[in-house]
Amino acid sequence: MLLTLPTTLLPLLLTLNPTHAYKPLSDAFLRALPSPNTTLSAKNSALLSPLLIPRVPGTPGQTLAQNHLYAYFTKELPAWNLTWQNSTSVTPTSKLPLPFANLIARREPPWVAPGQANLLTLVAHYDSKLHPDGFIGATDSAAPCAMLMYVASVLDPHITRMYEEMSALGEGGDVDMDMGIQIVFLDGEEAFENWSDSDSLYGARALATHWSTTFNPPSPASKFYQNRTPLSQISLFLLLDLLGSADPLVPSYFPTTHWAYVHLSTIESRLRSLNLLESTPSTPFLPDVNGTMGHGGISDDHLPFMAKGVEILHSVSGGLAHDGG
C-alpha cells in the first residue's frame, strides 16, 4: 500500500496534542492507514474532480463547490455537525455586496457541553481567483479541500471508537482529553483586484471576528471548563494551501507550533522508512526540524486568527509566492 503526503499525515494529527495522554502510533497502525488510491485524482474522482472548476464568490461555480462540500458530509459522514457562517462584502470589482459562506464540519465528544471541547482545526479555502479568466486553482486550493474531505472519512471511525472507549472508561470531562476536530472550508481568500488587507481573506476575517465576539453558554460546574468563545476552543489551527504538487517543500513558519511540525516530520520519516509513501524524493517534504525558516510566514487565511492569539501551523509550500493565491 502506498500513500501520499500530506494526506497520510493529516489523520495522525489528533496525536499532536501536547499532553502525556497520547502515545506514539505503532508501525502496525501506520501500515494499516488506508490509501486514497484514485479518490484524490484529478480525473473522475469523487472528491477532487467536482472542485476543479472556477469557484469565484458570487458565481454559479461557488454554489457548486458549496453543494459538493456540504453533500459529502451529509451523505458520507452524518455524525459531523455542519454549520454555515455567512457574510457579505463589497469588493473592488463588485457594485453590490457579494456573499461569502464558510462551512464548518465538526465532531465533538458526545458528553461535552456546548463550547467545552478543545478543537483541532483543519482549514483550507475553497474559492478561486477571478483572474485570469477560467482559473481553476487545483493546488490553490481545490486539492487541499479534497484532502480534508478524505481526512474526515479516515478519522471518522477512529474518533467514534475513541469516544466510545472514553465513555466506557469514564474518562470524559477532563478538558485535556475532551478533544474534538473541526474542518473549516473558508470562502473569499483570494483578492479580486490587488492583494491587500481589505481585498483578501474575506471569509477568514468574517469568521475570526464572529468567533471572537460570540460567547459560549455559561460554564457548567466544572474546573476544566475554560473556553469562553469558539475562537478560544481552537487548540491548533492547521492551514493547508498551495499543496498537491509532486514535491512540496513545507517550512516551519512559527516557533510556538514548531513542536507540532517536528511531530509531523517524525511521522514522515517513519513512513518513508516503512516504504509507505508514493513519492520518494531525496528531500523530505518537512525538512525544517531544527528551526523555523519561514521568516514570519506567508499572507494567508491564518492571519485574522493569529492576530487574535490562535496558534497556527501553516502547511504551505515555501517555494511558491503567495500574493493572493
Protein backbone atom coordinates (compact mmCIF):
# COMPACT_ATOMS: atom_id res chain seq x y z
CA MET A 1 0.00 0.00 0.00
CA LEU A 2 1.43 3.39 -0.99
CA LEU A 3 0.33 6.68 0.49
CA THR A 4 0.94 10.34 -0.29
CA LEU A 5 1.79 13.34 1.86
CA PRO A 6 0.19 15.42 3.31
CA THR A 7 -2.87 13.14 3.05
CA THR A 8 -1.10 10.49 5.10
CA LEU A 9 -0.02 12.84 7.86
CA LEU A 10 -3.31 14.59 8.50
CA PRO A 11 -5.20 11.63 10.03
CA LEU A 12 -2.44 11.44 12.64
CA LEU A 13 -2.90 14.98 13.90
CA LEU A 14 -5.15 14.01 16.78
CA THR A 15 -1.98 12.62 18.36
CA LEU A 16 -0.30 16.03 18.31
CA ASN A 17 -2.00 17.50 21.37
CA PRO A 18 0.91 18.37 23.72
CA THR A 19 -0.25 16.15 26.58
CA HIS A 20 1.11 12.95 28.04
CA ALA A 21 -2.23 11.19 27.50
CA TYR A 22 -1.34 10.25 23.93
CA LYS A 23 1.35 7.80 22.85
CA PRO A 24 3.25 7.45 19.55
CA LEU A 25 1.46 5.37 16.94
CA SER A 26 2.83 1.92 16.26
CA ASP A 27 4.29 0.81 12.95
CA ALA A 28 1.36 -1.58 12.61
CA PHE A 29 -1.06 1.34 12.85
CA LEU A 30 0.85 3.29 10.21
CA ARG A 31 0.80 0.27 7.88
CA ALA A 32 -2.97 -0.01 8.35
CA LEU A 33 -3.68 3.53 7.17
CA PRO A 34 -5.88 3.35 4.06
CA SER A 35 -4.56 4.64 0.77
CA PRO A 36 -6.65 7.24 -1.08
CA ASN A 37 -5.94 5.38 -4.35
CA THR A 38 -7.85 7.34 -7.05
CA THR A 39 -10.08 9.20 -4.58
CA LEU A 40 -7.96 12.32 -4.95
CA SER A 41 -7.01 12.02 -8.61
CA ALA A 42 -7.70 14.92 -10.92
CA LYS A 43 -9.82 12.88 -13.33
CA ASN A 44 -13.20 11.43 -12.39
CA SER A 45 -12.53 11.33 -8.66
CA ALA A 46 -15.35 11.66 -6.16
CA LEU A 47 -13.67 14.31 -4.03
CA LEU A 48 -11.36 16.43 -6.15
CA SER A 49 -12.84 16.46 -9.65
CA PRO A 50 -16.04 18.37 -8.73
CA LEU A 51 -13.87 21.16 -7.31
CA LEU A 52 -11.74 21.60 -10.42
CA ILE A 53 -13.87 24.43 -11.75
CA PRO A 54 -13.74 28.22 -11.32
CA ARG A 55 -15.13 28.92 -7.83
CA VAL A 56 -15.31 32.71 -7.64
CA PRO A 57 -17.65 34.10 -4.95
CA GLY A 58 -20.97 35.23 -6.36
CA THR A 59 -20.81 32.85 -9.35
CA PRO A 60 -22.51 29.50 -10.05
CA GLY A 61 -19.15 27.79 -9.52
CA GLN A 62 -19.13 28.94 -5.92
CA THR A 63 -22.56 27.37 -5.38
CA LEU A 64 -21.46 24.10 -6.98
CA ALA A 65 -18.41 23.93 -4.72
CA GLN A 66 -20.52 24.64 -1.64
CA ASN A 67 -23.04 21.96 -2.60
CA HIS A 68 -20.27 19.43 -3.17
CA LEU A 69 -18.69 20.01 0.24
CA TYR A 70 -22.00 20.02 2.10
CA ALA A 71 -23.41 16.97 0.31
CA TYR A 72 -20.31 14.91 1.02
CA PHE A 73 -20.54 15.32 4.77
CA THR A 74 -24.32 14.98 4.79
CA LYS A 75 -24.29 11.71 2.87
CA GLU A 76 -20.99 10.09 3.84
CA LEU A 77 -20.28 11.45 7.34
CA PRO A 78 -23.62 12.16 9.03
CA ALA A 79 -22.10 12.20 12.53
CA TRP A 80 -20.39 15.50 11.72
CA ASN A 81 -22.27 18.65 12.66
CA LEU A 82 -22.40 21.17 9.80
CA THR A 83 -22.85 24.92 10.13
CA TRP A 84 -22.50 27.84 7.75
CA GLN A 85 -21.08 31.20 8.74
CA ASN A 86 -22.30 33.77 6.22
CA SER A 87 -21.25 37.32 5.48
CA THR A 88 -21.31 39.83 2.64
CA SER A 89 -18.80 42.38 1.47
CA VAL A 90 -18.36 44.85 -1.37
CA THR A 91 -15.19 44.10 -3.33
CA PRO A 92 -13.17 46.32 -5.71
CA THR A 93 -14.88 44.63 -8.66
CA SER A 94 -18.46 44.47 -7.35
CA LYS A 95 -21.06 47.23 -7.04
CA LEU A 96 -23.25 45.19 -4.70
CA PRO A 97 -22.19 43.10 -1.70
CA LEU A 98 -21.06 39.59 -2.58
CA PRO A 99 -21.96 36.58 -0.42
CA PHE A 100 -19.25 34.65 1.39
CA ALA A 101 -20.01 31.37 3.14
CA ASN A 102 -17.66 29.41 5.41
CA LEU A 103 -18.58 25.78 6.03
CA ILE A 104 -17.63 24.26 9.41
CA ALA A 105 -17.78 20.48 9.88
CA ARG A 106 -17.30 19.39 13.49
CA ARG A 107 -17.12 16.24 15.63
CA GLU A 108 -17.06 16.62 19.41
CA PRO A 109 -17.22 14.17 22.32
CA PRO A 110 -20.88 13.35 22.99
CA TRP A 111 -20.58 14.18 26.69
CA VAL A 112 -19.30 17.76 26.39
CA ALA A 113 -21.43 20.85 26.90
CA PRO A 114 -21.63 23.35 24.03
CA GLY A 115 -18.34 25.17 23.78
CA GLN A 116 -16.41 22.83 26.06
CA ALA A 117 -14.30 20.76 23.65
CA ASN A 118 -10.82 21.73 22.53
CA LEU A 119 -10.83 21.61 18.75
CA LEU A 120 -8.06 20.64 16.40
CA THR A 121 -8.95 22.88 13.45
CA LEU A 122 -8.03 21.89 9.88
CA VAL A 123 -8.54 24.61 7.31
CA ALA A 124 -8.43 25.29 3.56
CA HIS A 125 -10.10 27.84 1.30
CA TYR A 126 -12.38 26.65 -1.48
CA ASP A 127 -12.74 29.78 -3.62
CA SER A 128 -10.65 30.53 -6.70
CA LYS A 129 -9.27 33.68 -8.33
CA LEU A 130 -11.34 35.98 -10.51
CA HIS A 131 -8.38 36.50 -12.85
CA PRO A 132 -7.13 35.06 -15.08
CA ASP A 133 -10.46 34.08 -16.59
CA GLY A 134 -11.22 30.40 -16.08
CA PHE A 135 -8.63 29.96 -13.32
CA ILE A 136 -9.23 26.63 -11.56
CA GLY A 137 -6.69 26.66 -8.74
CA ALA A 138 -6.04 22.92 -8.44
CA THR A 139 -3.42 23.34 -5.71
CA ASP A 140 -4.94 26.69 -4.73
CA SER A 141 -6.90 25.22 -3.03
CA ALA A 142 -9.11 22.54 -4.54
CA ALA A 143 -6.65 19.75 -3.70
CA PRO A 144 -6.28 20.77 -0.03
CA CYS A 145 -10.09 20.81 0.30
CA ALA A 146 -10.32 17.31 -1.17
CA MET A 147 -7.53 16.18 1.17
CA LEU A 148 -9.51 17.41 4.16
CA MET A 149 -12.64 15.63 2.96
CA TYR A 150 -10.65 12.41 2.70
CA VAL A 151 -9.07 13.01 6.10
CA ALA A 152 -12.53 13.33 7.65
CA SER A 153 -13.52 9.94 6.26
CA VAL A 154 -10.35 8.30 7.62
CA LEU A 155 -10.63 9.94 11.02
CA ASP A 156 -14.34 9.28 11.49
CA PRO A 157 -14.25 5.63 12.68
CA HIS A 158 -11.22 6.31 14.89
CA ILE A 159 -12.97 9.26 16.53
CA THR A 160 -16.07 7.15 17.11
CA ARG A 161 -14.02 4.37 18.71
CA MET A 162 -12.08 6.83 20.87
CA TYR A 163 -15.25 8.46 22.18
CA GLU A 164 -16.88 5.08 22.86
CA GLU A 165 -13.85 3.80 24.77
CA MET A 166 -13.51 7.02 26.77
CA SER A 167 -17.20 6.88 27.68
CA ALA A 168 -16.88 3.27 28.81
CA LEU A 169 -13.87 4.12 30.97
CA GLY A 170 -15.40 7.29 32.37
CA GLU A 171 -12.51 9.41 31.11
CA GLY A 172 -14.57 12.28 29.71
CA GLY A 173 -14.74 15.62 31.47
CA ASP A 174 -11.05 16.49 31.70
CA VAL A 175 -10.53 19.32 29.23
CA ASP A 176 -7.12 17.98 28.17
CA MET A 177 -8.85 14.84 26.90
CA ASP A 178 -12.05 16.44 25.64
CA MET A 179 -10.66 16.78 22.13
CA GLY A 180 -12.78 17.32 19.06
CA ILE A 181 -11.99 18.17 15.48
CA GLN A 182 -13.40 20.77 13.13
CA ILE A 183 -12.72 21.17 9.44
CA VAL A 184 -13.24 24.65 8.05
CA PHE A 185 -13.70 25.42 4.38
CA LEU A 186 -13.14 29.15 4.01
CA ASP A 187 -14.59 31.34 1.28
CA GLY A 188 -13.18 34.53 -0.20
CA GLU A 189 -9.47 34.04 0.40
CA GLU A 190 -8.50 35.40 -2.98
CA ALA A 191 -8.13 39.07 -3.87
CA PHE A 192 -10.45 40.37 -6.57
CA GLU A 193 -8.08 43.06 -7.78
CA ASN A 194 -4.85 43.51 -5.80
CA TRP A 195 -3.93 41.66 -2.62
CA SER A 196 -4.32 43.95 0.38
CA ASP A 197 -5.66 43.93 3.92
CA SER A 198 -9.11 44.90 2.62
CA ASP A 199 -9.10 42.93 -0.64
CA SER A 200 -8.38 39.38 0.54
CA LEU A 201 -9.30 36.91 3.28
CA TYR A 202 -12.99 37.91 3.24
CA GLY A 203 -14.24 34.69 4.78
CA ALA A 204 -11.39 34.32 7.27
CA ARG A 205 -11.80 37.88 8.53
CA ALA A 206 -15.55 37.41 8.97
CA LEU A 207 -15.20 34.07 10.78
CA ALA A 208 -12.41 35.21 13.10
CA THR A 209 -14.47 38.24 14.11
CA HIS A 210 -17.62 36.14 14.56
CA TRP A 211 -15.88 33.52 16.70
CA SER A 212 -14.10 36.09 18.85
CA THR A 213 -17.30 38.01 19.62
CA THR A 214 -19.67 35.06 20.10
CA PHE A 215 -19.75 33.78 23.68
CA ASN A 216 -20.34 30.16 24.57
CA PRO A 217 -23.13 29.24 27.01
CA PRO A 218 -22.47 29.80 30.73
CA SER A 219 -19.87 27.49 32.18
CA PRO A 220 -21.10 24.29 33.85
CA ALA A 221 -19.81 23.46 37.31
CA SER A 222 -16.52 22.05 36.10
CA LYS A 223 -13.00 23.17 36.96
CA PHE A 224 -11.91 22.14 33.48
CA TYR A 225 -14.32 24.35 31.57
CA GLN A 226 -12.43 27.33 30.20
CA ASN A 227 -13.38 28.08 26.59
CA ARG A 228 -15.37 31.33 26.55
CA THR A 229 -15.58 31.78 22.78
CA PRO A 230 -15.37 29.47 19.76
CA LEU A 231 -12.02 31.09 18.99
CA SER A 232 -10.59 30.03 22.34
CA GLN A 233 -11.63 26.42 21.67
CA ILE A 234 -9.03 26.11 18.89
CA SER A 235 -6.13 24.02 20.20
CA LEU A 236 -4.25 24.20 16.89
CA PHE A 237 -5.15 25.89 13.60
CA LEU A 238 -3.63 23.91 10.72
CA LEU A 239 -3.99 25.71 7.41
CA LEU A 240 -3.37 23.91 4.11
CA ASP A 241 -2.68 25.86 0.93
CA LEU A 242 -0.73 25.53 -2.33
CA LEU A 243 -0.45 21.77 -1.91
CA GLY A 244 -0.85 18.99 -4.44
CA SER A 245 2.34 19.24 -6.46
CA ALA A 246 4.69 16.26 -6.58
CA ASP A 247 7.45 17.58 -4.31
CA PRO A 248 6.28 20.31 -1.93
CA LEU A 249 8.73 21.91 0.46
CA VAL A 250 6.93 22.99 3.62
CA PRO A 251 8.93 25.06 6.14
CA SER A 252 8.18 25.51 9.80
CA TYR A 253 6.91 29.08 9.99
CA PHE A 254 6.17 29.76 13.66
CA PRO A 255 8.24 28.90 16.77
CA THR A 256 5.21 28.35 19.01
CA THR A 257 3.95 25.47 16.84
CA HIS A 258 7.32 24.07 15.85
CA TRP A 259 6.66 21.15 18.23
CA ALA A 260 3.75 20.06 16.01
CA TYR A 261 5.85 20.47 12.87
CA VAL A 262 8.53 18.22 14.39
CA HIS A 263 5.91 15.58 15.17
CA LEU A 264 4.74 15.63 11.55
CA SER A 265 8.30 15.48 10.25
CA THR A 266 8.98 12.50 12.50
CA ILE A 267 5.91 10.72 11.16
CA GLU A 268 7.05 11.47 7.60
CA SER A 269 10.44 9.91 8.34
CA ARG A 270 8.80 6.83 9.81
CA LEU A 271 6.50 6.44 6.80
CA ARG A 272 9.49 6.71 4.48
CA SER A 273 11.39 4.09 6.46
CA LEU A 274 8.37 1.75 6.14
CA ASN A 275 8.16 2.38 2.37
CA LEU A 276 4.59 3.63 2.70
CA LEU A 277 4.91 6.79 0.62
CA GLU A 278 4.09 7.01 -3.06
CA SER A 279 6.50 9.91 -3.57
CA THR A 280 10.13 9.31 -2.73
CA PRO A 281 12.15 12.46 -3.41
CA SER A 282 15.61 12.74 -1.94
CA THR A 283 14.50 15.81 0.02
CA PRO A 284 11.83 15.41 2.72
CA PHE A 285 8.61 17.41 2.42
CA LEU A 286 9.04 18.62 6.01
CA PRO A 287 12.79 19.23 6.38
CA ASP A 288 12.89 22.14 8.82
CA VAL A 289 13.18 20.21 12.08
CA ASN A 290 15.99 22.33 13.54
CA GLY A 291 14.28 25.70 13.41
CA THR A 292 11.91 27.98 11.58
CA MET A 293 12.98 29.08 8.13
CA GLY A 294 9.68 30.68 7.13
CA HIS A 295 10.75 34.10 8.44
CA GLY A 296 7.31 35.16 9.65
CA GLY A 297 5.23 33.22 7.18
CA ILE A 298 3.15 33.96 4.10
CA SER A 299 0.00 36.08 3.88
CA ASP A 300 -2.89 33.65 4.06
CA ASP A 301 -6.15 32.79 5.84
CA HIS A 302 -4.44 32.27 9.18
CA LEU A 303 -3.67 35.97 9.67
CA PRO A 304 -7.02 37.11 11.16
CA PHE A 305 -6.90 34.19 13.61
CA MET A 306 -3.25 34.64 14.50
CA ALA A 307 -3.91 38.32 15.23
CA LYS A 308 -6.41 37.15 17.86
CA GLY A 309 -3.96 34.80 19.56
CA VAL A 310 -4.69 31.46 17.86
CA GLU A 311 -1.77 29.03 17.49
CA ILE A 312 -1.03 28.47 13.79
CA LEU A 313 0.62 25.61 11.92
CA HIS A 314 0.84 26.72 8.30
CA SER A 315 1.25 23.90 5.80
CA VAL A 316 2.01 25.80 2.61
CA SER A 317 4.78 25.17 0.14
CA GLY A 318 7.54 27.68 0.84
CA GLY A 319 8.73 27.69 -2.74
CA LEU A 320 5.63 29.46 -4.06
CA ALA A 321 4.88 33.16 -3.75
CA HIS A 322 1.55 33.98 -2.19
CA ASP A 323 0.23 37.29 -3.43
CA GLY A 324 -3.37 36.25 -3.47
CA GLY A 325 -3.31 32.54 -4.05
